[in-house]
Amino acid sequence: MPDPETSPPELTKYKCLLCKRDLSLTSEGAVYQPTAPPAVAILPCGHTFHDQCLQKITPQDQAKDPPCIPCAIGDGYDIVLKKARCISGCQKVFEIDNMKAWKSVLIFATSYALGLFMIAKSPWYFLPLAWAWTETAVTGVKL
């Protein structure tokens, strides 16, 4: 009898059309095969989805009879799906983090002040280093 810890998961060869993962794997988070198979939704048209994926995109008023997104969109479905993934992934990039912003301002101001101090007080042979330090502080380029 194969060991479930070391043997590879048995895939169903059917994929969720939203998350693109095999239906025997989890629909989000870490990719693994749970002990109990995840709930699957098969629409009348034959398209298959993880139940959780379909619930996320289906409006409440259409929960009893969810529309099939690939059938409704047609050939442009992959483009729309990629764009939706990009938008959901980019939300974290554009979140406002005041603590991170003020930390960056503090680092910039301290680095710039230190660079000006180095230019004013350093011996001539340290000036190129002081100029590089100050320029890096102003432009934000990391050496």
Protein backbone atom coordinates (compact mmCIF):
# COMPACT_ATOMS: atom_id res chain seq x y z
CA MET A 1 0.00 0.00 0.00
CA PRO A 2 1.55 3.38 -1.00
CA ASP A 3 2.42 5.86 1.71
CA PRO A 4 0.17 8.99 1.38
CA GLU A 5 3.00 11.20 2.65
CA THR A 6 5.51 10.23 -0.03
CA SER A 7 3.29 9.25 -2.97
CA PRO A 8 2.29 12.01 -5.41
CA PRO A 9 -1.36 13.11 -5.34
CA GLU A 10 -3.73 11.47 -7.78
CA LEU A 11 -5.09 14.21 -10.01
CA THR A 12 -8.49 14.04 -11.70
CA LYS A 13 -7.29 15.66 -14.95
CA TYR A 14 -10.24 18.07 -14.68
CA LYS A 15 -9.45 21.68 -13.87
CA CYS A 16 -11.42 24.48 -12.30
CA LEU A 17 -11.92 27.04 -15.06
CA LEU A 18 -11.46 29.93 -12.62
CA CYS A 19 -8.37 29.08 -10.54
CA LYS A 20 -6.95 26.67 -13.16
CA ARG A 21 -6.07 24.08 -10.47
CA ASP A 22 -6.96 20.40 -10.65
CA LEU A 23 -10.33 19.73 -9.01
CA SER A 24 -8.74 17.33 -6.53
CA LEU A 25 -6.52 20.13 -5.13
CA THR A 26 -7.37 23.11 -2.93
CA SER A 27 -8.88 26.12 -4.65
CA GLU A 28 -6.77 28.77 -2.93
CA GLY A 29 -3.74 29.13 -0.71
CA ALA A 30 -1.09 26.44 -0.67
CA VAL A 31 -1.52 23.82 -3.36
CA TYR A 32 -2.14 20.44 -1.75
CA GLN A 33 -4.57 17.55 -1.93
CA PRO A 34 -6.84 17.58 1.11
CA THR A 35 -7.93 14.31 2.72
CA ALA A 36 -11.55 15.00 1.75
CA PRO A 37 -11.96 16.11 -1.86
CA PRO A 38 -13.10 19.74 -2.25
CA ALA A 39 -16.69 20.42 -3.30
CA VAL A 40 -17.06 20.65 -7.07
CA ALA A 41 -19.71 22.45 -9.14
CA ILE A 42 -20.63 21.10 -12.57
CA LEU A 43 -22.85 23.45 -14.56
CA PRO A 44 -25.43 22.23 -17.11
CA CYS A 45 -23.06 23.20 -19.94
CA GLY A 46 -20.48 20.74 -18.58
CA HIS A 47 -17.92 23.25 -17.29
CA THR A 48 -16.42 22.38 -13.89
CA PHE A 49 -15.38 24.64 -11.02
CA HIS A 50 -14.38 24.41 -7.40
CA ASP A 51 -17.58 25.23 -5.52
CA GLN A 52 -15.68 27.88 -3.52
CA CYS A 53 -14.38 29.57 -6.70
CA LEU A 54 -17.84 29.68 -8.25
CA GLN A 55 -19.38 31.10 -5.06
CA LYS A 56 -16.82 33.94 -5.05
CA ILE A 57 -17.79 35.22 -8.48
CA THR A 58 -21.53 34.51 -8.48
CA PRO A 59 -23.84 37.35 -7.39
CA GLN A 60 -26.26 36.50 -4.55
CA ASP A 61 -29.33 36.84 -6.76
CA GLN A 62 -27.93 34.20 -9.16
CA ALA A 63 -26.70 31.72 -6.50
CA LYS A 64 -29.42 29.15 -7.29
CA ASP A 65 -28.61 29.11 -11.02
CA PRO A 66 -25.07 30.52 -11.53
CA PRO A 67 -24.13 31.65 -15.03
CA CYS A 68 -21.21 29.97 -16.76
CA ILE A 69 -18.58 32.66 -17.23
CA PRO A 70 -16.63 30.88 -20.03
CA CYS A 71 -19.86 30.30 -22.00
CA ALA A 72 -21.01 33.92 -21.48
CA ILE A 73 -17.70 35.54 -22.45
CA GLY A 74 -16.65 33.12 -25.17
CA ASP A 75 -13.15 33.31 -26.68
CA GLY A 76 -12.09 36.34 -24.62
CA TYR A 77 -12.49 34.38 -21.37
CA ASP A 78 -8.76 33.78 -20.79
CA ILE A 79 -7.95 37.47 -21.30
CA VAL A 80 -10.66 38.55 -18.84
CA LEU A 81 -9.51 35.95 -16.28
CA LYS A 82 -5.87 37.08 -16.53
CA LYS A 83 -6.93 40.71 -16.07
CA ALA A 84 -9.05 39.81 -13.02
CA ARG A 85 -6.12 37.92 -11.47
CA CYS A 86 -3.83 40.90 -12.10
CA ILE A 87 -6.28 43.31 -10.47
CA SER A 88 -6.75 41.11 -7.40
CA GLY A 89 -2.99 40.57 -7.11
CA CYS A 90 -2.22 44.28 -7.51
CA GLN A 91 -4.54 45.34 -4.69
CA LYS A 92 -1.85 44.48 -2.13
CA VAL A 93 0.68 46.59 -4.02
CA PHE A 94 -1.49 49.70 -3.86
CA GLU A 95 -2.67 49.37 -0.26
CA ILE A 96 -1.80 52.40 1.85
CA ASP A 97 0.62 51.62 4.66
CA ASN A 98 1.28 54.80 6.66
CA MET A 99 3.93 53.17 8.85
CA LYS A 100 5.93 52.03 5.82
CA ALA A 101 5.62 55.48 4.22
CA TRP A 102 6.87 57.33 7.30
CA LYS A 103 9.68 54.81 7.73
CA SER A 104 10.80 55.55 4.16
CA VAL A 105 10.68 59.32 4.82
CA LEU A 106 12.75 58.90 7.98
CA ILE A 107 15.34 56.75 6.20
CA PHE A 108 15.55 59.26 3.32
CA ALA A 109 15.97 62.28 5.61
CA THR A 110 18.56 60.56 7.80
CA SER A 111 20.56 59.28 4.82
CA TYR A 112 20.51 62.65 3.10
CA ALA A 113 21.59 64.50 6.27
CA LEU A 114 24.38 61.98 6.82
CA GLY A 115 25.49 62.41 3.20
CA LEU A 116 25.66 66.21 3.53
CA PHE A 117 27.57 65.84 6.81
CA MET A 118 30.03 63.46 5.12
CA ILE A 119 30.56 65.92 2.25
CA ALA A 120 31.19 68.79 4.68
CA LYS A 121 33.47 66.99 7.15
CA SER A 122 35.18 64.15 5.26
CA PRO A 123 38.75 64.34 4.01
CA TRP A 124 39.13 64.73 0.26
CA TYR A 125 39.73 61.02 -0.36
CA PHE A 126 36.29 60.11 1.12
CA LEU A 127 34.40 62.66 -1.00
CA PRO A 128 33.51 60.24 -3.84
CA LEU A 129 31.97 57.89 -1.27
CA ALA A 130 30.09 60.80 0.35
CA TRP A 131 28.80 61.98 -3.04
CA ALA A 132 27.64 58.46 -3.95
CA TRP A 133 25.95 58.09 -0.55
CA THR A 134 24.12 61.39 -0.91
CA GLU A 135 23.10 60.73 -4.50
CA THR A 136 21.75 57.32 -3.49
CA ALA A 137 19.79 58.91 -0.66
CA VAL A 138 18.25 61.50 -3.01
CA THR A 139 17.42 59.19 -5.93
CA GLY A 140 16.49 56.15 -3.86
CA VAL A 141 18.73 53.93 -5.97
CA LYS A 142 20.25 51.12 -3.95
CA LEU A 143 23.92 50.37 -4.54
